[in-house]
């Protein structure tokens, strides 16, 4: 199968599969289609370095998916929060998901409450 001939549905099936190799997930993490990057971000086999890059994705849906990923660490959550809060227009859903993540340190929750309490 040639990459140029793969349909959107075929791409989705590839990147949704938890048995898909990390190299293939890494490749599709740069796809121009938001949906594909969301599925890569949700895949439990996606490597941490890819998750870190996707956490700064231009599409908020990708970032929101990363916050819920089982591999996300405390350090990654803090980094994601720093990135999100410094955007011109942070996405409410991403902030809410960060706040709801049980791994987020208490001090970060206080900062979110202070900066974004009106959306929680």
PDB file of N, CA and C in Angstrom:
ATOM      1  N   UNK A   1       0.849  -1.174   0.000  1.00  0.00           N
ATOM      2  CA  UNK A   1       0.000   0.000   0.000  1.00  0.00           C
ATOM      3  C   UNK A   1       0.898   1.242   0.000  1.00  0.00           C
ATOM      4  N   UNK A   2       0.672   2.126  -0.958  1.00  0.00           N
ATOM      5  CA  UNK A   2       1.439   3.363  -1.039  1.00  0.00           C
ATOM      6  C   UNK A   2       0.767   4.424  -0.179  1.00  0.00           C
ATOM      7  N   UNK A   3       1.575   5.182   0.538  1.00  0.00           N
ATOM      8  CA  UNK A   3       1.048   6.215   1.440  1.00  0.00           C
ATOM      9  C   UNK A   3       0.162   7.204   0.695  1.00  0.00           C
ATOM     10  N   UNK A   4       0.535   7.573  -0.507  1.00  0.00           N
ATOM     11  CA  UNK A   4      -0.235   8.555  -1.267  1.00  0.00           C
ATOM     12  C   UNK A   4      -1.649   8.083  -1.600  1.00  0.00           C
ATOM     13  N   UNK A   5      -1.866   6.776  -1.593  1.00  0.00           N
ATOM     14  CA  UNK A   5      -3.178   6.240  -1.969  1.00  0.00           C
ATOM     15  C   UNK A   5      -4.039   5.844  -0.765  1.00  0.00           C
ATOM     16  N   UNK A   6      -3.546   6.048   0.440  1.00  0.00           N
ATOM     17  CA  UNK A   6      -4.293   5.672   1.637  1.00  0.00           C
ATOM     18  C   UNK A   6      -5.425   6.671   1.868  1.00  0.00           C
ATOM     19  N   UNK A   7      -6.627   6.158   2.048  1.00  0.00           N
ATOM     20  CA  UNK A   7      -7.783   7.027   2.292  1.00  0.00           C
ATOM     21  C   UNK A   7      -7.785   7.499   3.740  1.00  0.00           C
ATOM     22  N   UNK A   8      -8.603   8.487   4.010  1.00  0.00           N
ATOM     23  CA  UNK A   8      -8.731   8.996   5.378  1.00  0.00           C
ATOM     24  C   UNK A   8      -9.194   7.889   6.319  1.00  0.00           C
ATOM     25  N   UNK A   9     -10.150   7.101   5.896  1.00  0.00           N
ATOM     26  CA  UNK A   9     -10.644   5.998   6.743  1.00  0.00           C
ATOM     27  C   UNK A   9      -9.558   4.972   7.017  1.00  0.00           C
ATOM     28  N   UNK A  10      -8.746   4.674   6.023  1.00  0.00           N
ATOM     29  CA  UNK A  10      -7.642   3.734   6.226  1.00  0.00           C
ATOM     30  C   UNK A  10      -6.613   4.310   7.200  1.00  0.00           C
ATOM     31  N   UNK A  11      -6.328   5.596   7.058  1.00  0.00           N
ATOM     32  CA  UNK A  11      -5.406   6.243   7.993  1.00  0.00           C
ATOM     33  C   UNK A  11      -5.942   6.140   9.412  1.00  0.00           C
ATOM     34  N   UNK A  12      -7.235   6.428   9.591  1.00  0.00           N
ATOM     35  CA  UNK A  12      -7.848   6.352  10.922  1.00  0.00           C
ATOM     36  C   UNK A  12      -7.682   4.962  11.514  1.00  0.00           C
ATOM     37  N   UNK A  13      -7.952   3.942  10.715  1.00  0.00           N
ATOM     38  CA  UNK A  13      -7.835   2.575  11.205  1.00  0.00           C
ATOM     39  C   UNK A  13      -6.402   2.240  11.612  1.00  0.00           C
ATOM     40  N   UNK A  14      -5.454   2.744  10.862  1.00  0.00           N
ATOM     41  CA  UNK A  14      -4.038   2.491  11.179  1.00  0.00           C
ATOM     42  C   UNK A  14      -3.670   3.161  12.499  1.00  0.00           C
ATOM     43  N   UNK A  15      -3.962   4.449  12.634  1.00  0.00           N
ATOM     44  CA  UNK A  15      -3.497   5.181  13.814  1.00  0.00           C
ATOM     45  C   UNK A  15      -4.328   4.907  15.061  1.00  0.00           C
ATOM     46  N   UNK A  16      -5.533   4.372  14.918  1.00  0.00           N
ATOM     47  CA  UNK A  16      -6.352   4.001  16.083  1.00  0.00           C
ATOM     48  C   UNK A  16      -5.909   2.673  16.697  1.00  0.00           C
ATOM     49  N   UNK A  17      -5.262   1.851  15.915  1.00  0.00           N
ATOM     50  CA  UNK A  17      -4.887   0.512  16.355  1.00  0.00           C
ATOM     51  C   UNK A  17      -3.762   0.581  17.390  1.00  0.00           C
ATOM     52  N   UNK A  18      -3.998   0.062  18.607  1.00  0.00           N
ATOM     53  CA  UNK A  18      -2.949   0.112  19.636  1.00  0.00           C
ATOM     54  C   UNK A  18      -1.726  -0.742  19.311  1.00  0.00           C
ATOM     55  N   UNK A  19      -1.823  -1.576  18.286  1.00  0.00           N
ATOM     56  CA  UNK A  19      -0.681  -2.394  17.872  1.00  0.00           C
ATOM     57  C   UNK A  19       0.146  -1.728  16.774  1.00  0.00           C
ATOM     58  N   UNK A  20      -0.292  -0.554  16.333  1.00  0.00           N
ATOM     59  CA  UNK A  20       0.468   0.177  15.316  1.00  0.00           C
ATOM     60  C   UNK A  20       1.833   0.544  15.884  1.00  0.00           C
ATOM     61  N   UNK A  21       2.860   0.396  15.067  1.00  0.00           N
ATOM     62  CA  UNK A  21       4.220   0.656  15.554  1.00  0.00           C
ATOM     63  C   UNK A  21       4.413   2.134  15.887  1.00  0.00           C
ATOM     64  N   UNK A  22       5.340   2.368  16.785  1.00  0.00           N
ATOM     65  CA  UNK A  22       5.651   3.740  17.182  1.00  0.00           C
ATOM     66  C   UNK A  22       6.187   4.557  16.008  1.00  0.00           C
ATOM     67  N   UNK A  23       6.921   3.922  15.107  1.00  0.00           N
ATOM     68  CA  UNK A  23       7.451   4.652  13.945  1.00  0.00           C
ATOM     69  C   UNK A  23       6.327   5.111  13.021  1.00  0.00           C
ATOM     70  N   UNK A  24       5.326   4.288  12.841  1.00  0.00           N
ATOM     71  CA  UNK A  24       4.191   4.679  12.003  1.00  0.00           C
ATOM     72  C   UNK A  24       3.405   5.789  12.691  1.00  0.00           C
ATOM     73  N   UNK A  25       3.199   5.685  13.991  1.00  0.00           N
ATOM     74  CA  UNK A  25       2.519   6.746  14.735  1.00  0.00           C
ATOM     75  C   UNK A  25       3.307   8.052  14.668  1.00  0.00           C
ATOM     76  N   UNK A  26       4.600   7.939  14.775  1.00  0.00           N
ATOM     77  CA  UNK A  26       5.463   9.127  14.674  1.00  0.00           C
ATOM     78  C   UNK A  26       5.285   9.781  13.299  1.00  0.00           C
ATOM     79  N   UNK A  27       5.255   8.966  12.262  1.00  0.00           N
ATOM     80  CA  UNK A  27       5.075   9.489  10.908  1.00  0.00           C
ATOM     81  C   UNK A  27       3.737  10.223  10.786  1.00  0.00           C
ATOM     82  N   UNK A  28       2.651   9.600  11.217  1.00  0.00           N
ATOM     83  CA  UNK A  28       1.322  10.189  11.047  1.00  0.00           C
ATOM     84  C   UNK A  28       1.052  11.330  12.022  1.00  0.00           C
ATOM     85  N   UNK A  29       1.895  11.516  13.011  1.00  0.00           N
ATOM     86  CA  UNK A  29       1.700  12.623  13.961  1.00  0.00           C
ATOM     87  C   UNK A  29       1.884  13.988  13.299  1.00  0.00           C
ATOM     88  N   UNK A  30       2.471  14.008  12.125  1.00  0.00           N
ATOM     89  CA  UNK A  30       2.673  15.267  11.405  1.00  0.00           C
ATOM     90  C   UNK A  30       1.677  15.440  10.261  1.00  0.00           C
ATOM     91  N   UNK A  31       0.685  14.580  10.208  1.00  0.00           N
ATOM     92  CA  UNK A  31      -0.338  14.643   9.160  1.00  0.00           C
ATOM     93  C   UNK A  31      -1.074  15.983   9.223  1.00  0.00           C
ATOM     94  N   UNK A  32      -1.434  16.505   8.090  1.00  0.00           N
ATOM     95  CA  UNK A  32      -2.147  17.792   8.056  1.00  0.00           C
ATOM     96  C   UNK A  32      -3.603  17.675   8.513  1.00  0.00           C
ATOM     97  N   UNK A  33      -4.111  16.462   8.588  1.00  0.00           N
ATOM     98  CA  UNK A  33      -5.508  16.254   8.985  1.00  0.00           C
ATOM     99  C   UNK A  33      -5.618  16.166  10.515  1.00  0.00           C
ATOM    100  N   UNK A  34      -6.381  17.089  11.097  1.00  0.00           N
ATOM    101  CA  UNK A  34      -6.552  17.146  12.555  1.00  0.00           C
ATOM    102  C   UNK A  34      -7.013  15.816  13.133  1.00  0.00           C
ATOM    103  N   UNK A  35      -7.958  15.177  12.467  1.00  0.00           N
ATOM    104  CA  UNK A  35      -8.522  13.920  12.961  1.00  0.00           C
ATOM    105  C   UNK A  35      -7.441  12.859  13.138  1.00  0.00           C
ATOM    106  N   UNK A  36      -6.542  12.782  12.194  1.00  0.00           N
ATOM    107  CA  UNK A  36      -5.479  11.777  12.276  1.00  0.00           C
ATOM    108  C   UNK A  36      -4.568  12.076  13.457  1.00  0.00           C
ATOM    109  N   UNK A  37      -4.225  13.344  13.654  1.00  0.00           N
ATOM    110  CA  UNK A  37      -3.363  13.701  14.790  1.00  0.00           C
ATOM    111  C   UNK A  37      -4.070  13.423  16.118  1.00  0.00           C
ATOM    112  N   UNK A  38      -5.394  13.594  16.170  1.00  0.00           N
ATOM    113  CA  UNK A  38      -6.139  13.267  17.394  1.00  0.00           C
ATOM    114  C   UNK A  38      -6.035  11.772  17.688  1.00  0.00           C
ATOM    115  N   UNK A  39      -6.210  10.960  16.668  1.00  0.00           N
ATOM    116  CA  UNK A  39      -6.107   9.510  16.880  1.00  0.00           C
ATOM    117  C   UNK A  39      -4.699   9.091  17.280  1.00  0.00           C
ATOM    118  N   UNK A  40      -3.689   9.728  16.702  1.00  0.00           N
ATOM    119  CA  UNK A  40      -2.307   9.447  17.115  1.00  0.00           C
ATOM    120  C   UNK A  40      -2.135   9.831  18.586  1.00  0.00           C
ATOM    121  N   UNK A  41      -2.668  10.992  18.965  1.00  0.00           N
ATOM    122  CA  UNK A  41      -2.557  11.469  20.346  1.00  0.00           C
ATOM    123  C   UNK A  41      -3.265  10.543  21.330  1.00  0.00           C
ATOM    124  N   UNK A  42      -4.300   9.864  20.883  1.00  0.00           N
ATOM    125  CA  UNK A  42      -5.066   8.973  21.764  1.00  0.00           C
ATOM    126  C   UNK A  42      -4.493   7.565  21.821  1.00  0.00           C
ATOM    127  N   UNK A  43      -3.659   7.203  20.883  1.00  0.00           N
ATOM    128  CA  UNK A  43      -3.159   5.835  20.814  1.00  0.00           C
ATOM    129  C   UNK A  43      -2.225   5.547  21.989  1.00  0.00           C
ATOM    130  N   UNK A  44      -2.486   4.476  22.744  1.00  0.00           N
ATOM    131  CA  UNK A  44      -1.633   4.169  23.906  1.00  0.00           C
ATOM    132  C   UNK A  44      -0.197   3.801  23.539  1.00  0.00           C
ATOM    133  N   UNK A  45       0.042   3.507  22.271  1.00  0.00           N
ATOM    134  CA  UNK A  45       1.384   3.138  21.834  1.00  0.00           C
ATOM    135  C   UNK A  45       2.199   4.335  21.332  1.00  0.00           C
ATOM    136  N   UNK A  46       1.613   5.513  21.311  1.00  0.00           N
ATOM    137  CA  UNK A  46       2.325   6.693  20.843  1.00  0.00           C
ATOM    138  C   UNK A  46       3.473   7.012  21.802  1.00  0.00           C
ATOM    139  N   UNK A  47       4.680   7.187  21.270  1.00  0.00           N
ATOM    140  CA  UNK A  47       5.826   7.471  22.140  1.00  0.00           C
ATOM    141  C   UNK A  47       5.720   8.849  22.812  1.00  0.00           C
ATOM    142  N   UNK A  48       6.329   8.969  23.960  1.00  0.00           N
ATOM    143  CA  UNK A  48       6.266  10.193  24.760  1.00  0.00           C
ATOM    144  C   UNK A  48       6.786  11.397  23.991  1.00  0.00           C
ATOM    145  N   UNK A  49       7.869  11.240  23.232  1.00  0.00           N
ATOM    146  CA  UNK A  49       8.409  12.393  22.490  1.00  0.00           C
ATOM    147  C   UNK A  49       7.391  12.928  21.479  1.00  0.00           C
ATOM    148  N   UNK A  50       6.591  12.064  20.911  1.00  0.00           N
ATOM    149  CA  UNK A  50       5.548  12.494  19.972  1.00  0.00           C
ATOM    150  C   UNK A  50       4.434  13.209  20.738  1.00  0.00           C
ATOM    151  N   UNK A  51       4.081  12.673  21.899  1.00  0.00           N
ATOM    152  CA  UNK A  51       3.053  13.321  22.725  1.00  0.00           C
ATOM    153  C   UNK A  51       3.476  14.737  23.104  1.00  0.00           C
ATOM    154  N   UNK A  52       4.738  14.903  23.437  1.00  0.00           N
ATOM    155  CA  UNK A  52       5.248  16.228  23.812  1.00  0.00           C
ATOM    156  C   UNK A  52       5.112  17.199  22.642  1.00  0.00           C
ATOM    157  N   UNK A  53       5.450  16.750  21.449  1.00  0.00           N
ATOM    158  CA  UNK A  53       5.303  17.623  20.266  1.00  0.00           C
ATOM    159  C   UNK A  53       3.832  17.922  19.993  1.00  0.00           C
ATOM    160  N   UNK A  54       2.981  16.912  20.098  1.00  0.00           N
ATOM    161  CA  UNK A  54       1.555  17.105  19.823  1.00  0.00           C
ATOM    162  C   UNK A  54       0.884  17.989  20.872  1.00  0.00           C
ATOM    163  N   UNK A  55       1.473  18.092  22.042  1.00  0.00           N
ATOM    164  CA  UNK A  55       0.899  18.942  23.090  1.00  0.00           C
ATOM    165  C   UNK A  55       0.925  20.416  22.713  1.00  0.00           C
ATOM    166  N   UNK A  56       1.689  20.754  21.688  1.00  0.00           N
ATOM    167  CA  UNK A  56       1.732  22.129  21.200  1.00  0.00           C
ATOM    168  C   UNK A  56       1.115  22.226  19.802  1.00  0.00           C
ATOM    169  N   UNK A  57       0.230  21.298  19.506  1.00  0.00           N
ATOM    170  CA  UNK A  57      -0.445  21.275  18.213  1.00  0.00           C
ATOM    171  C   UNK A  57      -1.324  22.504  18.053  1.00  0.00           C
ATOM    172  N   UNK A  58      -1.483  22.958  16.821  1.00  0.00           N
ATOM    173  CA  UNK A  58      -2.315  24.141  16.560  1.00  0.00           C
ATOM    174  C   UNK A  58      -3.798  23.874  16.811  1.00  0.00           C
ATOM    175  N   UNK A  59      -4.212  22.628  16.706  1.00  0.00           N
ATOM    176  CA  UNK A  59      -5.622  22.288  16.918  1.00  0.00           C
ATOM    177  C   UNK A  59      -5.848  21.884  18.367  1.00  0.00           C
ATOM    178  N   UNK A  60      -6.764  22.578  19.041  1.00  0.00           N
ATOM    179  CA  UNK A  60      -7.006  22.349  20.460  1.00  0.00           C
ATOM    180  C   UNK A  60      -7.464  20.914  20.745  1.00  0.00           C
ATOM    181  N   UNK A  61      -8.139  20.277  19.815  1.00  0.00           N
ATOM    182  CA  UNK A  61      -8.616  18.906  20.033  1.00  0.00           C
ATOM    183  C   UNK A  61      -7.477  17.919  20.235  1.00  0.00           C
ATOM    184  N   UNK A  62      -6.374  18.156  19.546  1.00  0.00           N
ATOM    185  CA  UNK A  62      -5.188  17.307  19.720  1.00  0.00           C
ATOM    186  C   UNK A  62      -4.624  17.531  21.119  1.00  0.00           C
ATOM    187  N   UNK A  63      -4.516  18.798  21.511  1.00  0.00           N
ATOM    188  CA  UNK A  63      -3.978  19.115  22.843  1.00  0.00           C
ATOM    189  C   UNK A  63      -4.872  18.529  23.941  1.00  0.00           C
ATOM    190  N   UNK A  64      -6.178  18.622  23.767  1.00  0.00           N
ATOM    191  CA  UNK A  64      -7.111  18.079  24.766  1.00  0.00           C
ATOM    192  C   UNK A  64      -6.959  16.565  24.889  1.00  0.00           C
ATOM    193  N   UNK A  65      -6.675  15.915  23.797  1.00  0.00           N
ATOM    194  CA  UNK A  65      -6.498  14.452  23.813  1.00  0.00           C
ATOM    195  C   UNK A  65      -5.232  14.072  24.571  1.00  0.00           C
ATOM    196  N   UNK A  66      -4.180  14.834  24.388  1.00  0.00           N
ATOM    197  CA  UNK A  66      -2.906  14.555  25.076  1.00  0.00           C
ATOM    198  C   UNK A  66      -3.077  14.604  26.590  1.00  0.00           C
ATOM    199  N   UNK A  67      -3.831  15.571  27.073  1.00  0.00           N
ATOM    200  CA  UNK A  67      -4.013  15.748  28.520  1.00  0.00           C
ATOM    201  C   UNK A  67      -4.586  14.479  29.161  1.00  0.00           C
ATOM    202  N   UNK A  68      -5.361  13.722  28.402  1.00  0.00           N
ATOM    203  CA  UNK A  68      -5.995  12.505  28.933  1.00  0.00           C
ATOM    204  C   UNK A  68      -5.204  11.234  28.642  1.00  0.00           C
ATOM    205  N   UNK A  69      -4.066  11.355  27.984  1.00  0.00           N
ATOM    206  CA  UNK A  69      -3.285  10.175  27.590  1.00  0.00           C
ATOM    207  C   UNK A  69      -2.703   9.483  28.818  1.00  0.00           C
ATOM    208  N   UNK A  70      -2.734   8.145  28.854  1.00  0.00           N
ATOM    209  CA  UNK A  70      -2.207   7.431  30.032  1.00  0.00           C
ATOM    210  C   UNK A  70      -0.712   7.628  30.274  1.00  0.00           C
ATOM    211  N   UNK A  71       0.040   7.978  29.248  1.00  0.00           N
ATOM    212  CA  UNK A  71       1.489   8.173  29.423  1.00  0.00           C
ATOM    213  C   UNK A  71       1.851   9.577  29.893  1.00  0.00           C
ATOM    214  N   UNK A  72       0.881  10.461  29.993  1.00  0.00           N
ATOM    215  CA  UNK A  72       1.195  11.840  30.362  1.00  0.00           C
ATOM    216  C   UNK A  72       1.731  11.878  31.797  1.00  0.00           C
ATOM    217  N   UNK A  73       2.831  12.563  31.971  1.00  0.00           N
ATOM    218  CA  UNK A  73       3.461  12.664  33.295  1.00  0.00           C
ATOM    219  C   UNK A  73       3.135  14.021  33.920  1.00  0.00           C
ATOM    220  N   UNK A  74       3.481  14.161  35.181  1.00  0.00           N
ATOM    221  CA  UNK A  74       3.293  15.435  35.877  1.00  0.00           C
ATOM    222  C   UNK A  74       4.060  16.543  35.154  1.00  0.00           C
ATOM    223  N   UNK A  75       5.307  16.265  34.800  1.00  0.00           N
ATOM    224  CA  UNK A  75       6.115  17.274  34.100  1.00  0.00           C
ATOM    225  C   UNK A  75       5.495  17.668  32.766  1.00  0.00           C
ATOM    226  N   UNK A  76       4.951  16.684  32.056  1.00  0.00           N
ATOM    227  CA  UNK A  76       4.307  16.985  30.782  1.00  0.00           C
ATOM    228  C   UNK A  76       3.071  17.845  31.005  1.00  0.00           C
ATOM    229  N   UNK A  77       2.280  17.538  32.022  1.00  0.00           N
ATOM    230  CA  UNK A  77       1.083  18.337  32.306  1.00  0.00           C
ATOM    231  C   UNK A  77       1.441  19.790  32.615  1.00  0.00           C
ATOM    232  N   UNK A  78       2.476  19.975  33.403  1.00  0.00           N
ATOM    233  CA  UNK A  78       2.909  21.338  33.743  1.00  0.00           C
ATOM    234  C   UNK A  78       3.372  22.060  32.484  1.00  0.00           C
ATOM    235  N   UNK A  79       4.131  21.372  31.664  1.00  0.00           N
ATOM    236  CA  UNK A  79       4.599  21.957  30.400  1.00  0.00           C
ATOM    237  C   UNK A  79       3.410  22.309  29.501  1.00  0.00           C
ATOM    238  N   UNK A  80       2.417  21.406  29.420  1.00  0.00           N
ATOM    239  CA  UNK A  80       1.233  21.650  28.605  1.00  0.00           C
ATOM    240  C   UNK A  80       0.473  22.859  29.124  1.00  0.00           C
ATOM    241  N   UNK A  81       0.358  22.952  30.445  1.00  0.00           N
ATOM    242  CA  UNK A  81      -0.349  24.085  31.034  1.00  0.00           C
ATOM    243  C   UNK A  81       0.371  25.392  30.711  1.00  0.00           C
ATOM    244  N   UNK A  82       1.690  25.409  30.838  1.00  0.00           N
ATOM    245  CA  UNK A  82       2.464  26.614  30.522  1.00  0.00           C
ATOM    246  C   UNK A  82       2.234  27.031  29.076  1.00  0.00           C
ATOM    247  N   UNK A  83       2.230  26.056  28.185  1.00  0.00           N
ATOM    248  CA  UNK A  83       2.001  26.360  26.774  1.00  0.00           C
ATOM    249  C   UNK A  83       0.594  26.922  26.571  1.00  0.00           C
ATOM    250  N   UNK A  84      -0.396  26.249  27.115  1.00  0.00           N
ATOM    251  CA  UNK A  84      -1.797  26.641  26.903  1.00  0.00           C
ATOM    252  C   UNK A  84      -2.085  28.026  27.482  1.00  0.00           C
ATOM    253  N   UNK A  85      -1.616  28.278  28.692  1.00  0.00           N
ATOM    254  CA  UNK A  85      -1.933  29.562  29.333  1.00  0.00           C
ATOM    255  C   UNK A  85      -1.257  30.735  28.638  1.00  0.00           C
ATOM    256  N   UNK A  86      -0.186  30.472  27.903  1.00  0.00           N
ATOM    257  CA  UNK A  86       0.514  31.539  27.206  1.00  0.00           C
ATOM    258  C   UNK A  86       0.000  31.793  25.782  1.00  0.00           C
ATOM    259  N   UNK A  87      -0.974  31.018  25.354  1.00  0.00           N
ATOM    260  CA  UNK A  87      -1.577  31.269  24.049  1.00  0.00           C
ATOM    261  C   UNK A  87      -2.408  32.541  24.119  1.00  0.00           C
ATOM    262  N   UNK A  88      -2.576  33.201  22.985  1.00  0.00           N
ATOM    263  CA  UNK A  88      -3.433  34.393  22.958  1.00  0.00           C
ATOM    264  C   UNK A  88      -4.851  34.048  23.384  1.00  0.00           C
ATOM    265  N   UNK A  89      -5.296  32.860  22.977  1.00  0.00           N
ATOM    266  CA  UNK A  89      -6.647  32.428  23.313  1.00  0.00           C
ATOM    267  C   UNK A  89      -6.614  30.969  23.778  1.00  0.00           C
ATOM    268  N   UNK A  90      -6.313  30.742  25.062  1.00  0.00           N
ATOM    269  CA  UNK A  90      -6.308  29.367  25.563  1.00  0.00           C
ATOM    270  C   UNK A  90      -7.700  28.745  25.408  1.00  0.00           C
ATOM    271  N   UNK A  91      -7.738  27.474  25.113  1.00  0.00           N
ATOM    272  CA  UNK A  91      -9.018  26.793  24.925  1.00  0.00           C
ATOM    273  C   UNK A  91      -9.571  26.340  26.272  1.00  0.00           C
ATOM    274  N   UNK A  92     -10.817  26.708  26.536  1.00  0.00           N
ATOM    275  CA  UNK A  92     -11.477  26.364  27.796  1.00  0.00           C
ATOM    276  C   UNK A  92     -11.426  24.863  28.070  1.00  0.00           C
ATOM    277  N   UNK A  93     -11.710  24.061  27.034  1.00  0.00           N
ATOM    278  CA  UNK A  93     -11.765  22.610  27.226  1.00  0.00           C
ATOM    279  C   UNK A  93     -10.413  22.056  27.656  1.00  0.00           C
ATOM    280  N   UNK A  94      -9.349  22.550  27.073  1.00  0.00           N
ATOM    281  CA  UNK A  94      -8.011  22.068  27.438  1.00  0.00           C
ATOM    282  C   UNK A  94      -7.708  22.443  28.888  1.00  0.00           C
ATOM    283  N   UNK A  95      -8.040  23.667  29.278  1.00  0.00           N
ATOM    284  CA  UNK A  95      -7.820  24.112  30.658  1.00  0.00           C
ATOM    285  C   UNK A  95      -8.637  23.250  31.624  1.00  0.00           C
ATOM    286  N   UNK A  96      -9.888  22.992  31.293  1.00  0.00           N
ATOM    287  CA  UNK A  96     -10.751  22.164  32.152  1.00  0.00           C
ATOM    288  C   UNK A  96     -10.201  20.744  32.288  1.00  0.00           C
ATOM    289  N   UNK A  97      -9.717  20.177  31.187  1.00  0.00           N
ATOM    290  CA  UNK A  97      -9.159  18.825  31.236  1.00  0.00           C
ATOM    291  C   UNK A  97      -7.859  18.786  32.036  1.00  0.00           C
ATOM    292  N   UNK A  98      -7.035  19.805  31.887  1.00  0.00           N
ATOM    293  CA  UNK A  98      -5.822  19.891  32.703  1.00  0.00           C
ATOM    294  C   UNK A  98      -6.191  19.931  34.183  1.00  0.00           C
ATOM    295  N   UNK A  99      -7.137  20.780  34.516  1.00  0.00           N
ATOM    296  CA  UNK A  99      -7.573  20.948  35.905  1.00  0.00           C
ATOM    297  C   UNK A  99      -8.121  19.641  36.469  1.00  0.00           C
ATOM    298  N   UNK A 100      -8.811  18.877  35.638  1.00  0.00           N
ATOM    299  CA  UNK A 100      -9.443  17.631  36.086  1.00  0.00           C
ATOM    300  C   UNK A 100      -8.470  16.459  36.175  1.00  0.00           C
ATOM    301  N   UNK A 101      -7.295  16.594  35.588  1.00  0.00           N
ATOM    302  CA  UNK A 101      -6.353  15.479  35.594  1.00  0.00           C
ATOM    303  C   UNK A 101      -5.803  15.273  37.009  1.00  0.00           C
ATOM    304  N   UNK A 102      -5.991  14.076  37.572  1.00  0.00           N
ATOM    305  CA  UNK A 102      -5.545  13.831  38.946  1.00  0.00           C
ATOM    306  C   UNK A 102      -4.031  13.910  39.140  1.00  0.00           C
ATOM    307  N   UNK A 103      -3.275  13.849  38.060  1.00  0.00           N
ATOM    308  CA  UNK A 103      -1.813  13.939  38.171  1.00  0.00           C
ATOM    309  C   UNK A 103      -1.324  15.381  38.327  1.00  0.00           C
ATOM    310  N   UNK A 104      -2.185  16.348  38.012  1.00  0.00           N
ATOM    311  CA  UNK A 104      -1.768  17.751  38.074  1.00  0.00           C
ATOM    312  C   UNK A 104      -1.514  18.151  39.534  1.00  0.00           C
ATOM    313  N   UNK A 105      -0.361  18.727  39.831  1.00  0.00           N
ATOM    314  CA  UNK A 105      -0.047  19.129  41.204  1.00  0.00           C
ATOM    315  C   UNK A 105      -1.032  20.182  41.731  1.00  0.00           C
ATOM    316  N   UNK A 106      -1.221  20.169  43.033  1.00  0.00           N
ATOM    317  CA  UNK A 106      -2.156  21.083  43.688  1.00  0.00           C
ATOM    318  C   UNK A 106      -1.844  22.545  43.375  1.00  0.00           C
ATOM    319  N   UNK A 107      -0.588  22.897  43.384  1.00  0.00           N
ATOM    320  CA  UNK A 107      -0.202  24.291  43.129  1.00  0.00           C
ATOM    321  C   UNK A 107      -0.636  24.719  41.719  1.00  0.00           C
ATOM    322  N   UNK A 108      -0.550  23.812  40.755  1.00  0.00           N
ATOM    323  CA  UNK A 108      -0.989  24.129  39.394  1.00  0.00           C
ATOM    324  C   UNK A 108      -2.509  24.324  39.355  1.00  0.00           C
ATOM    325  N   UNK A 109      -3.235  23.549  40.156  1.00  0.00           N
ATOM    326  CA  UNK A 109      -4.699  23.728  40.239  1.00  0.00           C
ATOM    327  C   UNK A 109      -5.042  25.118  40.780  1.00  0.00           C
ATOM    328  N   UNK A 110      -4.297  25.549  41.786  1.00  0.00           N
ATOM    329  CA  UNK A 110      -4.535  26.875  42.368  1.00  0.00           C
ATOM    330  C   UNK A 110      -4.295  27.957  41.308  1.00  0.00           C
ATOM    331  N   UNK A 111      -3.247  27.800  40.526  1.00  0.00           N
ATOM    332  CA  UNK A 111      -2.954  28.768  39.468  1.00  0.00           C
ATOM    333  C   UNK A 111      -4.087  28.777  38.437  1.00  0.00           C
ATOM    334  N   UNK A 112      -4.560  27.595  38.061  1.00  0.00           N
ATOM    335  CA  UNK A 112      -5.676  27.517  37.108  1.00  0.00           C
ATOM    336  C   UNK A 112      -6.915  28.180  37.689  1.00  0.00           C
ATOM    337  N   UNK A 113      -7.192  27.922  38.965  1.00  0.00           N
ATOM    338  CA  UNK A 113      -8.357  28.541  39.607  1.00  0.00           C
ATOM    339  C   UNK A 113      -8.235  30.065  39.593  1.00  0.00           C
ATOM    340  N   UNK A 114      -7.032  30.557  39.824  1.00  0.00           N
ATOM    341  CA  UNK A 114      -6.804  32.003  39.858  1.00  0.00           C
ATOM    342  C   UNK A 114      -6.951  32.625  38.472  1.00  0.00           C
ATOM    343  N   UNK A 115      -6.350  31.988  37.474  1.00  0.00           N
ATOM    344  CA  UNK A 115      -6.348  32.550  36.122  1.00  0.00           C
ATOM    345  C   UNK A 115      -7.620  32.257  35.323  1.00  0.00           C
ATOM    346  N   UNK A 116      -8.203  31.080  35.576  1.00  0.00           N
ATOM    347  CA  UNK A 116      -9.305  30.624  34.728  1.00  0.00           C
ATOM    348  C   UNK A 116     -10.533  30.187  35.538  1.00  0.00           C
ATOM    349  N   UNK A 117     -10.656  30.683  36.770  1.00  0.00           N
ATOM    350  CA  UNK A 117     -11.756  30.265  37.630  1.00  0.00           C
ATOM    351  C   UNK A 117     -13.138  30.464  37.022  1.00  0.00           C
ATOM    352  N   UNK A 118     -13.277  31.444  36.160  1.00  0.00           N
ATOM    353  CA  UNK A 118     -14.579  31.725  35.548  1.00  0.00           C
ATOM    354  C   UNK A 118     -15.020  30.653  34.551  1.00  0.00           C
ATOM    355  N   UNK A 119     -14.096  29.804  34.073  1.00  0.00           N
ATOM    356  CA  UNK A 119     -14.479  28.759  33.114  1.00  0.00           C
ATOM    357  C   UNK A 119     -14.569  27.369  33.736  1.00  0.00           C
ATOM    358  N   UNK A 120     -14.148  27.248  34.980  1.00  0.00           N
ATOM    359  CA  UNK A 120     -14.143  25.912  35.602  1.00  0.00           C
ATOM    360  C   UNK A 120     -15.522  25.475  36.028  1.00  0.00           C
TER     361      UNK A 120
END
